[in-house]
Amino acid sequence: MVWIMLATLAVVFVVGFRVMTSGPRRAIRRLSERLGITPVPVESMIDQFGKSAGNEFIRYLERPDEAHLQNAAQVLLIWQVCIVDSSENNLLSWYRLLRKARLAAPITDAQIRMALGFMRDMEPDPYEFNAFQLRYNQLFLPEEGVFFLH
């Protein structure tokens, strides 16, 4: 009889947990599937934002329109290149992922401010983000009359 009660409690806990986290999991999965990556980089970034900023990012990502998905992808790009690995290979790798997902676009000042807002607990350097913005946006400039294609 005790085993039945413990099994019931475990099932209720698992089902309750899945129901309570279904919205955030769907939002994270939406971005990761669009980019063709596992959810781990997105979840890791959200964890590093801290509880408050992480929840704000998830709420932002849960919005259904394409513009919010685009901005969330740009924040992930900024995170991956400015915080995780600033190498040229990493930048080009993430650029290719965004292009393949049709989310590649020049980074705007508003997206830089958004990224700084989500990463506020980490106290990122705004000048580093602005330098990255210039570096990344160079990928979208024409080279001697020919667009940069990878």
C-alpha atoms as a PDB file:
ATOM      1  CA  MET A   1       0.000   0.000   0.000  1.00  0.00           C
ATOM      2  CA  VAL A   2       2.866   2.374   0.810  1.00  0.00           C
ATOM      3  CA  TRP A   3       4.431   1.669  -2.580  1.00  0.00           C
ATOM      4  CA  ILE A   4       1.234   2.620  -4.362  1.00  0.00           C
ATOM      5  CA  MET A   5       1.095   5.934  -2.500  1.00  0.00           C
ATOM      6  CA  LEU A   6       4.768   6.653  -3.265  1.00  0.00           C
ATOM      7  CA  ALA A   7       4.301   5.757  -6.940  1.00  0.00           C
ATOM      8  CA  THR A   8       1.218   8.000  -7.122  1.00  0.00           C
ATOM      9  CA  LEU A   9       3.126  10.847  -5.502  1.00  0.00           C
ATOM     10  CA  ALA A  10       6.006  10.418  -7.966  1.00  0.00           C
ATOM     11  CA  VAL A  11       3.640  10.439 -10.955  1.00  0.00           C
ATOM     12  CA  VAL A  12       1.854  13.537  -9.663  1.00  0.00           C
ATOM     13  CA  PHE A  13       5.194  15.275  -9.170  1.00  0.00           C
ATOM     14  CA  VAL A  14       6.468  14.422 -12.669  1.00  0.00           C
ATOM     15  CA  VAL A  15       3.205  15.394 -14.379  1.00  0.00           C
ATOM     16  CA  GLY A  16       2.973  18.609 -12.350  1.00  0.00           C
ATOM     17  CA  PHE A  17       6.545  19.543 -13.199  1.00  0.00           C
ATOM     18  CA  ARG A  18       5.981  18.944 -16.916  1.00  0.00           C
ATOM     19  CA  VAL A  19       2.771  20.976 -16.922  1.00  0.00           C
ATOM     20  CA  MET A  20       4.356  23.878 -15.027  1.00  0.00           C
ATOM     21  CA  THR A  21       7.395  24.060 -17.327  1.00  0.00           C
ATOM     22  CA  SER A  22       5.679  23.351 -20.650  1.00  0.00           C
ATOM     23  CA  GLY A  23       5.547  27.018 -21.755  1.00  0.00           C
ATOM     24  CA  PRO A  24       9.245  27.738 -21.218  1.00  0.00           C
ATOM     25  CA  ARG A  25      10.224  24.383 -22.741  1.00  0.00           C
ATOM     26  CA  ARG A  26       8.139  25.124 -25.846  1.00  0.00           C
ATOM     27  CA  ALA A  27       9.671  28.594 -26.185  1.00  0.00           C
ATOM     28  CA  ILE A  28      13.224  27.251 -25.869  1.00  0.00           C
ATOM     29  CA  ARG A  29      12.455  24.389 -28.248  1.00  0.00           C
ATOM     30  CA  ARG A  30      10.997  26.848 -30.794  1.00  0.00           C
ATOM     31  CA  LEU A  31      14.280  28.768 -30.980  1.00  0.00           C
ATOM     32  CA  SER A  32      16.568  25.730 -30.815  1.00  0.00           C
ATOM     33  CA  GLU A  33      14.642  23.803 -33.477  1.00  0.00           C
ATOM     34  CA  ARG A  34      14.584  26.826 -35.767  1.00  0.00           C
ATOM     35  CA  LEU A  35      18.360  27.100 -35.428  1.00  0.00           C
ATOM     36  CA  GLY A  36      18.848  23.341 -35.714  1.00  0.00           C
ATOM     37  CA  ILE A  37      20.684  23.059 -32.382  1.00  0.00           C
ATOM     38  CA  THR A  38      20.050  21.285 -29.108  1.00  0.00           C
ATOM     39  CA  PRO A  39      18.302  23.322 -26.382  1.00  0.00           C
ATOM     40  CA  VAL A  40      21.465  23.226 -24.227  1.00  0.00           C
ATOM     41  CA  PRO A  41      23.045  26.519 -25.438  1.00  0.00           C
ATOM     42  CA  VAL A  42      19.740  28.377 -24.984  1.00  0.00           C
ATOM     43  CA  GLU A  43      19.104  26.860 -21.548  1.00  0.00           C
ATOM     44  CA  SER A  44      22.686  27.560 -20.480  1.00  0.00           C
ATOM     45  CA  MET A  45      22.388  31.192 -21.546  1.00  0.00           C
ATOM     46  CA  ILE A  46      19.090  31.605 -19.680  1.00  0.00           C
ATOM     47  CA  ASP A  47      20.604  30.053 -16.547  1.00  0.00           C
ATOM     48  CA  GLN A  48      23.542  32.459 -16.702  1.00  0.00           C
ATOM     49  CA  PHE A  49      21.206  35.460 -17.039  1.00  0.00           C
ATOM     50  CA  GLY A  50      19.934  34.841 -13.513  1.00  0.00           C
ATOM     51  CA  LYS A  51      16.418  34.115 -12.355  1.00  0.00           C
ATOM     52  CA  SER A  52      14.805  37.482 -13.074  1.00  0.00           C
ATOM     53  CA  ALA A  53      16.440  38.194 -16.437  1.00  0.00           C
ATOM     54  CA  GLY A  54      16.112  34.536 -17.459  1.00  0.00           C
ATOM     55  CA  ASN A  55      12.374  34.625 -16.817  1.00  0.00           C
ATOM     56  CA  GLU A  56      12.126  37.887 -18.784  1.00  0.00           C
ATOM     57  CA  PHE A  57      13.920  36.275 -21.717  1.00  0.00           C
ATOM     58  CA  ILE A  58      11.602  33.256 -21.640  1.00  0.00           C
ATOM     59  CA  ARG A  59       8.526  35.516 -21.570  1.00  0.00           C
ATOM     60  CA  TYR A  60       9.992  37.463 -24.489  1.00  0.00           C
ATOM     61  CA  LEU A  61      10.700  34.242 -26.393  1.00  0.00           C
ATOM     62  CA  GLU A  62       7.175  32.944 -25.760  1.00  0.00           C
ATOM     63  CA  ARG A  63       5.726  35.755 -27.886  1.00  0.00           C
ATOM     64  CA  PRO A  64       4.513  34.227 -31.132  1.00  0.00           C
ATOM     65  CA  ASP A  65       5.760  36.608 -33.811  1.00  0.00           C
ATOM     66  CA  GLU A  66       8.844  36.275 -35.989  1.00  0.00           C
ATOM     67  CA  ALA A  67      10.392  39.571 -34.817  1.00  0.00           C
ATOM     68  CA  HIS A  68      10.692  38.287 -31.255  1.00  0.00           C
ATOM     69  CA  LEU A  69      12.256  35.044 -32.481  1.00  0.00           C
ATOM     70  CA  GLN A  70      14.712  37.081 -34.580  1.00  0.00           C
ATOM     71  CA  ASN A  71      15.676  39.260 -31.606  1.00  0.00           C
ATOM     72  CA  ALA A  72      16.035  36.233 -29.317  1.00  0.00           C
ATOM     73  CA  ALA A  73      18.312  34.583 -31.890  1.00  0.00           C
ATOM     74  CA  GLN A  74      20.432  37.743 -32.038  1.00  0.00           C
ATOM     75  CA  VAL A  75      20.703  37.790 -28.224  1.00  0.00           C
ATOM     76  CA  LEU A  76      21.837  34.145 -28.344  1.00  0.00           C
ATOM     77  CA  LEU A  77      24.392  35.070 -31.010  1.00  0.00           C
ATOM     78  CA  ILE A  78      25.702  37.961 -28.910  1.00  0.00           C
ATOM     79  CA  TRP A  79      25.915  35.651 -25.893  1.00  0.00           C
ATOM     80  CA  GLN A  80      27.718  32.896 -27.781  1.00  0.00           C
ATOM     81  CA  VAL A  81      30.266  35.198 -29.402  1.00  0.00           C
ATOM     82  CA  CYS A  82      30.811  37.903 -26.769  1.00  0.00           C
ATOM     83  CA  ILE A  83      30.607  35.784 -23.624  1.00  0.00           C
ATOM     84  CA  VAL A  84      31.272  32.134 -24.534  1.00  0.00           C
ATOM     85  CA  ASP A  85      33.822  32.205 -27.371  1.00  0.00           C
ATOM     86  CA  SER A  86      34.886  35.297 -29.310  1.00  0.00           C
ATOM     87  CA  SER A  87      36.909  33.448 -31.940  1.00  0.00           C
ATOM     88  CA  GLU A  88      36.371  34.105 -35.622  1.00  0.00           C
ATOM     89  CA  ASN A  89      35.470  30.450 -36.200  1.00  0.00           C
ATOM     90  CA  ASN A  90      32.713  30.642 -33.585  1.00  0.00           C
ATOM     91  CA  LEU A  91      31.388  33.856 -35.100  1.00  0.00           C
ATOM     92  CA  LEU A  92      31.251  32.335 -38.578  1.00  0.00           C
ATOM     93  CA  SER A  93      29.683  29.141 -37.253  1.00  0.00           C
ATOM     94  CA  TRP A  94      26.861  31.043 -35.558  1.00  0.00           C
ATOM     95  CA  TYR A  95      26.462  33.283 -38.593  1.00  0.00           C
ATOM     96  CA  ARG A  96      25.975  30.186 -40.769  1.00  0.00           C
ATOM     97  CA  LEU A  97      23.414  28.784 -38.313  1.00  0.00           C
ATOM     98  CA  LEU A  98      21.438  32.012 -38.414  1.00  0.00           C
ATOM     99  CA  ARG A  99      21.615  32.195 -42.212  1.00  0.00           C
ATOM    100  CA  LYS A 100      20.418  28.620 -42.550  1.00  0.00           C
ATOM    101  CA  ALA A 101      17.493  29.381 -40.204  1.00  0.00           C
ATOM    102  CA  ARG A 102      16.759  32.596 -42.130  1.00  0.00           C
ATOM    103  CA  LEU A 103      17.395  34.648 -39.007  1.00  0.00           C
ATOM    104  CA  ALA A 104      20.647  36.313 -40.050  1.00  0.00           C
ATOM    105  CA  ALA A 105      20.429  40.079 -40.133  1.00  0.00           C
ATOM    106  CA  PRO A 106      22.636  42.962 -39.064  1.00  0.00           C
ATOM    107  CA  ILE A 107      22.584  43.515 -35.312  1.00  0.00           C
ATOM    108  CA  THR A 108      20.771  46.699 -34.366  1.00  0.00           C
ATOM    109  CA  ASP A 109      21.463  49.058 -31.483  1.00  0.00           C
ATOM    110  CA  ALA A 110      18.133  47.979 -29.964  1.00  0.00           C
ATOM    111  CA  GLN A 111      19.266  44.338 -29.970  1.00  0.00           C
ATOM    112  CA  ILE A 112      22.524  45.320 -28.265  1.00  0.00           C
ATOM    113  CA  ARG A 113      20.539  47.171 -25.571  1.00  0.00           C
ATOM    114  CA  MET A 114      18.255  44.150 -25.223  1.00  0.00           C
ATOM    115  CA  ALA A 115      21.217  41.809 -24.772  1.00  0.00           C
ATOM    116  CA  LEU A 116      22.774  44.164 -22.223  1.00  0.00           C
ATOM    117  CA  GLY A 117      19.451  44.213 -20.364  1.00  0.00           C
ATOM    118  CA  PHE A 118      19.163  40.434 -20.215  1.00  0.00           C
ATOM    119  CA  MET A 119      22.814  40.104 -19.154  1.00  0.00           C
ATOM    120  CA  ARG A 120      22.626  42.918 -16.599  1.00  0.00           C
ATOM    121  CA  ASP A 121      23.533  40.676 -13.645  1.00  0.00           C
ATOM    122  CA  MET A 122      26.781  39.779 -15.384  1.00  0.00           C
ATOM    123  CA  GLU A 123      27.688  43.457 -15.922  1.00  0.00           C
ATOM    124  CA  PRO A 124      28.860  43.053 -19.531  1.00  0.00           C
ATOM    125  CA  ASP A 125      31.020  45.670 -21.222  1.00  0.00           C
ATOM    126  CA  PRO A 126      28.830  47.747 -23.585  1.00  0.00           C
ATOM    127  CA  TYR A 127      31.879  48.761 -25.620  1.00  0.00           C
ATOM    128  CA  GLU A 128      32.724  45.108 -26.256  1.00  0.00           C
ATOM    129  CA  PHE A 129      29.163  44.511 -27.469  1.00  0.00           C
ATOM    130  CA  ASN A 130      29.342  47.567 -29.754  1.00  0.00           C
ATOM    131  CA  ALA A 131      32.664  46.367 -31.166  1.00  0.00           C
ATOM    132  CA  PHE A 132      31.102  42.959 -31.783  1.00  0.00           C
ATOM    133  CA  GLN A 133      28.136  44.629 -33.490  1.00  0.00           C
ATOM    134  CA  LEU A 134      30.482  46.371 -35.942  1.00  0.00           C
ATOM    135  CA  ARG A 135      32.470  43.170 -36.504  1.00  0.00           C
ATOM    136  CA  TYR A 136      29.348  41.075 -37.117  1.00  0.00           C
ATOM    137  CA  ASN A 137      27.641  43.646 -39.324  1.00  0.00           C
ATOM    138  CA  GLN A 138      30.706  43.625 -41.598  1.00  0.00           C
ATOM    139  CA  LEU A 139      29.478  40.211 -42.786  1.00  0.00           C
ATOM    140  CA  PHE A 140      26.510  41.967 -44.402  1.00  0.00           C
ATOM    141  CA  LEU A 141      28.436  44.638 -46.260  1.00  0.00           C
ATOM    142  CA  PRO A 142      29.173  44.133 -49.962  1.00  0.00           C
ATOM    143  CA  GLU A 143      32.759  43.301 -50.803  1.00  0.00           C
ATOM    144  CA  GLU A 144      33.788  45.135 -53.977  1.00  0.00           C
ATOM    145  CA  GLY A 145      30.310  44.872 -55.474  1.00  0.00           C
ATOM    146  CA  VAL A 146      29.742  41.236 -54.444  1.00  0.00           C
ATOM    147  CA  PHE A 147      27.801  40.234 -51.365  1.00  0.00           C
ATOM    148  CA  PHE A 148      29.590  38.081 -48.824  1.00  0.00           C
ATOM    149  CA  LEU A 149      28.372  34.510 -49.255  1.00  0.00           C
ATOM    150  CA  HIS A 150      29.417  31.608 -47.150  1.00  0.00           C
END
